[in-house]
């Protein structure tokens, strides 16, 4: 999983900028009512991007449906950030985070 941290310039809240801009966007739409998941219009089943606010820093977790979708979502999202907010941003940090392994449930043995 990829985690993007978008660091804004002093006095700017990158999270609020993005949420306000998505309302007008034609290529991105909200995936849930809480407006914390972004989906790309051209790949609605390609996964989503979960966004959160950390004191003005935008934190985006990329949740792709497949490996190809990871590159696609990351490329499109970073491109839009640069196109929309180039003068308002200081840095975009990319972190490669391993997803925790899911534990498999053991089947219960029936006593009879």
N, C-alpha and C. Protein backbone atom coordinates (compact mmCIF):
# COMPACT_ATOMS: atom_id res chain seq x y z
N UNK A 1 0.85 -1.17 0.00
CA UNK A 1 0.00 0.00 0.00
C UNK A 1 0.90 1.23 0.00
N UNK A 2 0.47 2.24 -0.68
CA UNK A 2 1.19 3.52 -0.71
C UNK A 2 0.47 4.52 0.19
N UNK A 3 1.25 5.34 0.84
CA UNK A 3 0.71 6.44 1.64
C UNK A 3 1.36 7.71 1.13
N UNK A 4 0.55 8.68 0.75
CA UNK A 4 1.04 9.97 0.29
C UNK A 4 0.77 11.02 1.36
N UNK A 5 1.79 11.80 1.66
CA UNK A 5 1.63 12.94 2.56
C UNK A 5 1.84 14.20 1.75
N UNK A 6 0.83 15.05 1.75
CA UNK A 6 0.89 16.29 0.99
C UNK A 6 1.10 17.43 1.98
N UNK A 7 2.29 18.00 1.95
CA UNK A 7 2.66 19.06 2.89
C UNK A 7 2.37 20.41 2.25
N UNK A 8 1.49 21.21 2.86
CA UNK A 8 1.15 22.51 2.27
C UNK A 8 2.11 23.60 2.70
N UNK A 9 2.01 24.73 2.04
CA UNK A 9 2.77 25.92 2.44
C UNK A 9 2.23 26.41 3.79
N UNK A 10 2.97 27.30 4.41
CA UNK A 10 2.58 27.81 5.73
C UNK A 10 1.21 28.51 5.66
N UNK A 11 0.34 28.13 6.58
CA UNK A 11 -0.97 28.76 6.67
C UNK A 11 -2.03 28.18 5.75
N UNK A 12 -1.71 27.10 5.04
CA UNK A 12 -2.66 26.49 4.10
C UNK A 12 -3.02 25.10 4.61
N UNK A 13 -4.29 24.73 4.48
CA UNK A 13 -4.75 23.40 4.86
C UNK A 13 -5.00 22.61 3.58
N UNK A 14 -4.12 21.66 3.27
CA UNK A 14 -4.21 20.89 2.03
C UNK A 14 -5.46 20.02 2.00
N UNK A 15 -5.88 19.51 3.13
CA UNK A 15 -7.07 18.66 3.21
C UNK A 15 -8.32 19.45 2.81
N UNK A 16 -8.46 20.64 3.35
CA UNK A 16 -9.63 21.48 3.01
C UNK A 16 -9.59 21.93 1.55
N UNK A 17 -8.41 22.23 1.05
CA UNK A 17 -8.29 22.61 -0.37
C UNK A 17 -8.78 21.49 -1.28
N UNK A 18 -8.36 20.28 -0.98
CA UNK A 18 -8.75 19.15 -1.82
C UNK A 18 -10.25 18.88 -1.73
N UNK A 19 -10.79 18.90 -0.52
CA UNK A 19 -12.23 18.63 -0.38
C UNK A 19 -13.07 19.67 -1.11
N UNK A 20 -12.65 20.92 -1.08
CA UNK A 20 -13.39 21.97 -1.78
C UNK A 20 -13.26 21.80 -3.30
N UNK A 21 -12.12 21.35 -3.75
CA UNK A 21 -11.89 21.24 -5.19
C UNK A 21 -12.58 20.02 -5.81
N UNK A 22 -12.74 18.95 -5.05
CA UNK A 22 -13.37 17.73 -5.57
C UNK A 22 -14.82 17.98 -5.94
N UNK A 23 -15.46 18.92 -5.28
CA UNK A 23 -16.86 19.24 -5.61
C UNK A 23 -17.01 19.64 -7.07
N UNK A 24 -16.01 20.33 -7.62
CA UNK A 24 -16.05 20.81 -9.00
C UNK A 24 -15.42 19.84 -9.99
N UNK A 25 -14.72 18.82 -9.50
CA UNK A 25 -13.96 17.93 -10.37
C UNK A 25 -14.88 16.99 -11.15
N UNK A 26 -14.47 16.70 -12.38
CA UNK A 26 -15.26 15.77 -13.20
C UNK A 26 -14.63 14.38 -13.25
N UNK A 27 -13.37 14.25 -12.87
CA UNK A 27 -12.71 12.96 -12.95
C UNK A 27 -12.67 12.21 -11.62
N UNK A 28 -12.98 12.87 -10.55
CA UNK A 28 -12.99 12.23 -9.22
C UNK A 28 -14.36 12.39 -8.59
N UNK A 29 -14.76 11.39 -7.82
CA UNK A 29 -16.00 11.50 -7.06
C UNK A 29 -15.83 10.80 -5.72
N UNK A 30 -16.72 11.14 -4.79
CA UNK A 30 -16.64 10.58 -3.44
C UNK A 30 -17.19 9.16 -3.45
N UNK A 31 -16.51 8.27 -2.75
CA UNK A 31 -16.93 6.88 -2.68
C UNK A 31 -17.81 6.57 -1.50
N UNK A 32 -17.92 7.49 -0.54
CA UNK A 32 -18.79 7.27 0.61
C UNK A 32 -19.40 8.60 1.05
N UNK A 33 -20.39 8.53 1.94
CA UNK A 33 -21.08 9.75 2.37
C UNK A 33 -20.23 10.63 3.26
N UNK A 34 -19.30 10.04 3.98
CA UNK A 34 -18.42 10.83 4.86
C UNK A 34 -17.40 11.63 4.08
N UNK A 35 -17.31 11.39 2.78
CA UNK A 35 -16.37 12.07 1.89
C UNK A 35 -14.92 11.91 2.33
N UNK A 36 -14.56 10.68 2.59
CA UNK A 36 -13.18 10.37 2.92
C UNK A 36 -12.56 9.40 1.92
N UNK A 37 -13.35 8.91 0.96
CA UNK A 37 -12.85 8.00 -0.07
C UNK A 37 -13.05 8.61 -1.45
N UNK A 38 -11.98 8.65 -2.21
CA UNK A 38 -12.04 9.16 -3.58
C UNK A 38 -11.96 8.01 -4.56
N UNK A 39 -12.76 8.09 -5.61
CA UNK A 39 -12.71 7.10 -6.69
C UNK A 39 -12.54 7.84 -8.01
N UNK A 40 -11.80 7.22 -8.90
CA UNK A 40 -11.62 7.80 -10.22
C UNK A 40 -12.77 7.37 -11.11
N UNK A 41 -13.27 8.29 -11.93
CA UNK A 41 -14.44 8.04 -12.75
C UNK A 41 -14.18 6.94 -13.78
N UNK A 42 -12.98 6.91 -14.35
CA UNK A 42 -12.70 5.94 -15.41
C UNK A 42 -12.47 4.52 -14.90
N UNK A 43 -12.19 4.38 -13.61
CA UNK A 43 -12.01 3.05 -13.02
C UNK A 43 -12.79 2.96 -11.70
N UNK A 44 -14.10 2.85 -11.77
CA UNK A 44 -14.88 2.83 -10.53
C UNK A 44 -14.63 1.58 -9.68
N UNK A 45 -14.19 0.48 -10.31
CA UNK A 45 -13.91 -0.74 -9.56
C UNK A 45 -12.41 -0.94 -9.36
N UNK A 46 -11.64 0.09 -9.56
CA UNK A 46 -10.19 0.01 -9.47
C UNK A 46 -9.63 0.32 -8.10
N UNK A 47 -10.46 0.40 -7.09
CA UNK A 47 -10.00 0.73 -5.76
C UNK A 47 -10.36 2.17 -5.40
N UNK A 48 -9.80 2.64 -4.29
CA UNK A 48 -10.11 3.99 -3.83
C UNK A 48 -8.90 4.59 -3.12
N UNK A 49 -9.01 5.88 -2.84
CA UNK A 49 -8.00 6.60 -2.08
C UNK A 49 -8.69 7.14 -0.83
N UNK A 50 -8.22 6.72 0.32
CA UNK A 50 -8.78 7.20 1.58
C UNK A 50 -7.97 8.40 2.06
N UNK A 51 -8.64 9.52 2.27
CA UNK A 51 -7.94 10.74 2.67
C UNK A 51 -8.27 11.10 4.11
N UNK A 52 -7.31 11.76 4.76
CA UNK A 52 -7.49 12.20 6.14
C UNK A 52 -6.68 13.48 6.35
N UNK A 53 -7.00 14.18 7.42
CA UNK A 53 -6.34 15.43 7.77
C UNK A 53 -5.44 15.21 8.98
N UNK A 54 -4.23 15.72 8.93
CA UNK A 54 -3.30 15.66 10.06
C UNK A 54 -2.71 17.05 10.25
N UNK A 55 -3.45 17.92 10.92
CA UNK A 55 -3.03 19.31 11.18
C UNK A 55 -2.68 20.05 9.89
N UNK A 56 -3.55 19.94 8.90
CA UNK A 56 -3.35 20.64 7.64
C UNK A 56 -2.64 19.84 6.58
N UNK A 57 -1.97 18.77 6.99
CA UNK A 57 -1.28 17.88 6.04
C UNK A 57 -2.29 16.85 5.55
N UNK A 58 -2.36 16.69 4.24
CA UNK A 58 -3.26 15.71 3.65
C UNK A 58 -2.56 14.35 3.63
N UNK A 59 -3.21 13.35 4.20
CA UNK A 59 -2.68 11.99 4.20
C UNK A 59 -3.61 11.14 3.35
N UNK A 60 -3.06 10.52 2.31
CA UNK A 60 -3.86 9.73 1.38
C UNK A 60 -3.33 8.30 1.34
N UNK A 61 -4.20 7.34 1.64
CA UNK A 61 -3.88 5.91 1.59
C UNK A 61 -4.46 5.36 0.29
N UNK A 62 -3.61 4.81 -0.55
CA UNK A 62 -4.03 4.24 -1.83
C UNK A 62 -4.44 2.78 -1.59
N UNK A 63 -5.69 2.45 -1.90
CA UNK A 63 -6.20 1.08 -1.75
C UNK A 63 -6.61 0.57 -3.14
N UNK A 64 -5.68 -0.01 -3.89
CA UNK A 64 -6.01 -0.47 -5.25
C UNK A 64 -6.68 -1.84 -5.24
N UNK A 65 -7.44 -2.11 -6.29
CA UNK A 65 -8.04 -3.43 -6.45
C UNK A 65 -7.02 -4.41 -7.03
N UNK A 66 -6.07 -3.92 -7.82
CA UNK A 66 -5.01 -4.76 -8.38
C UNK A 66 -3.72 -3.94 -8.44
N UNK A 67 -2.63 -4.58 -8.80
CA UNK A 67 -1.34 -3.89 -8.86
C UNK A 67 -1.34 -2.80 -9.92
N UNK A 68 -2.00 -3.04 -11.05
CA UNK A 68 -2.09 -2.02 -12.11
C UNK A 68 -2.85 -0.79 -11.63
N UNK A 69 -3.87 -1.01 -10.82
CA UNK A 69 -4.66 0.10 -10.32
C UNK A 69 -3.87 0.97 -9.35
N UNK A 70 -2.91 0.39 -8.66
CA UNK A 70 -2.08 1.17 -7.74
C UNK A 70 -1.33 2.26 -8.50
N UNK A 71 -0.69 1.89 -9.58
CA UNK A 71 0.03 2.88 -10.39
C UNK A 71 -0.93 3.90 -10.97
N UNK A 72 -2.05 3.43 -11.47
CA UNK A 72 -3.03 4.32 -12.11
C UNK A 72 -3.57 5.36 -11.12
N UNK A 73 -4.01 4.91 -9.95
CA UNK A 73 -4.56 5.83 -8.95
C UNK A 73 -3.50 6.83 -8.45
N UNK A 74 -2.30 6.32 -8.22
CA UNK A 74 -1.24 7.20 -7.71
C UNK A 74 -0.86 8.25 -8.75
N UNK A 75 -0.72 7.83 -9.98
CA UNK A 75 -0.36 8.76 -11.05
C UNK A 75 -1.42 9.85 -11.23
N UNK A 76 -2.67 9.45 -11.30
CA UNK A 76 -3.76 10.41 -11.52
C UNK A 76 -3.91 11.36 -10.34
N UNK A 77 -3.80 10.82 -9.12
CA UNK A 77 -3.97 11.65 -7.93
C UNK A 77 -2.84 12.67 -7.79
N UNK A 78 -1.61 12.22 -7.95
CA UNK A 78 -0.48 13.16 -7.84
C UNK A 78 -0.51 14.19 -8.95
N UNK A 79 -0.90 13.79 -10.14
CA UNK A 79 -1.01 14.74 -11.24
C UNK A 79 -2.03 15.83 -10.98
N UNK A 80 -3.17 15.44 -10.42
CA UNK A 80 -4.21 16.42 -10.09
C UNK A 80 -3.74 17.35 -8.97
N UNK A 81 -3.06 16.81 -7.96
CA UNK A 81 -2.56 17.67 -6.88
C UNK A 81 -1.61 18.73 -7.42
N UNK A 82 -0.72 18.32 -8.29
CA UNK A 82 0.24 19.27 -8.85
C UNK A 82 -0.46 20.29 -9.75
N UNK A 83 -1.40 19.84 -10.55
CA UNK A 83 -2.10 20.75 -11.46
C UNK A 83 -2.96 21.76 -10.71
N UNK A 84 -3.62 21.32 -9.66
CA UNK A 84 -4.53 22.21 -8.94
C UNK A 84 -3.82 23.08 -7.90
N UNK A 85 -2.85 22.53 -7.19
CA UNK A 85 -2.32 23.21 -6.00
C UNK A 85 -0.81 23.42 -6.03
N UNK A 86 -0.21 23.55 -7.18
CA UNK A 86 1.25 23.67 -7.26
C UNK A 86 1.80 24.80 -6.40
N UNK A 87 1.16 25.94 -6.40
CA UNK A 87 1.68 27.08 -5.64
C UNK A 87 1.38 26.97 -4.14
N UNK A 88 0.47 26.09 -3.75
CA UNK A 88 0.09 25.95 -2.34
C UNK A 88 0.81 24.82 -1.62
N UNK A 89 1.61 24.02 -2.34
CA UNK A 89 2.24 22.85 -1.74
C UNK A 89 3.75 23.01 -1.62
N UNK A 90 4.29 22.40 -0.56
CA UNK A 90 5.75 22.36 -0.38
C UNK A 90 6.32 21.03 -0.82
N UNK A 91 5.62 19.93 -0.50
CA UNK A 91 6.16 18.60 -0.80
C UNK A 91 5.04 17.57 -0.88
N UNK A 92 5.32 16.52 -1.63
CA UNK A 92 4.47 15.32 -1.66
C UNK A 92 5.39 14.15 -1.33
N UNK A 93 5.17 13.55 -0.18
CA UNK A 93 6.00 12.44 0.28
C UNK A 93 5.29 11.12 -0.02
N UNK A 94 6.04 10.17 -0.55
CA UNK A 94 5.49 8.85 -0.86
C UNK A 94 6.12 7.84 0.08
N UNK A 95 5.28 7.05 0.74
CA UNK A 95 5.76 6.01 1.66
C UNK A 95 5.23 4.67 1.21
N UNK A 96 6.10 3.67 1.21
CA UNK A 96 5.70 2.31 0.88
C UNK A 96 5.48 1.56 2.19
N UNK A 97 4.23 1.22 2.45
CA UNK A 97 3.86 0.59 3.72
C UNK A 97 3.38 -0.83 3.43
N UNK A 98 3.92 -1.76 4.15
CA UNK A 98 3.44 -3.14 4.01
C UNK A 98 2.09 -3.28 4.71
N UNK A 99 1.20 -3.95 4.02
CA UNK A 99 -0.09 -4.20 4.63
C UNK A 99 0.07 -5.35 5.62
N UNK A 100 -0.58 -5.25 6.77
CA UNK A 100 -0.47 -6.35 7.73
C UNK A 100 -1.13 -7.61 7.17
N UNK A 101 -0.50 -8.73 7.46
CA UNK A 101 -1.06 -9.99 6.97
C UNK A 101 -2.34 -10.30 7.73
N UNK A 102 -3.31 -10.73 6.99
CA UNK A 102 -4.57 -11.09 7.62
C UNK A 102 -4.47 -12.49 8.19
N UNK A 103 -4.90 -12.62 9.42
CA UNK A 103 -4.89 -13.93 10.06
C UNK A 103 -6.07 -14.74 9.55
N UNK A 104 -5.80 -15.97 9.26
CA UNK A 104 -6.88 -16.85 8.82
C UNK A 104 -7.58 -17.41 10.04
N UNK A 105 -8.87 -17.48 9.94
CA UNK A 105 -9.65 -18.02 11.05
C UNK A 105 -9.57 -19.54 11.03
N UNK A 106 -9.40 -20.08 12.20
CA UNK A 106 -9.38 -21.54 12.30
C UNK A 106 -10.80 -22.04 12.36
N UNK A 107 -11.00 -23.15 11.73
CA UNK A 107 -12.32 -23.77 11.80
C UNK A 107 -12.43 -24.52 13.11
N UNK A 108 -13.58 -24.41 13.71
CA UNK A 108 -13.81 -25.13 14.95
C UNK A 108 -14.10 -26.59 14.67
N UNK A 109 -13.54 -27.40 15.49
CA UNK A 109 -13.85 -28.82 15.39
C UNK A 109 -15.08 -29.10 16.22
N UNK A 110 -15.97 -29.74 15.63
CA UNK A 110 -17.19 -30.07 16.38
C UNK A 110 -16.92 -31.25 17.30
N UNK A 111 -17.46 -31.17 18.51
CA UNK A 111 -17.13 -32.21 19.50
C UNK A 111 -17.80 -33.57 19.22
N UNK A 112 -18.72 -33.67 18.34
CA UNK A 112 -19.37 -34.96 18.12
C UNK A 112 -18.86 -35.68 16.98
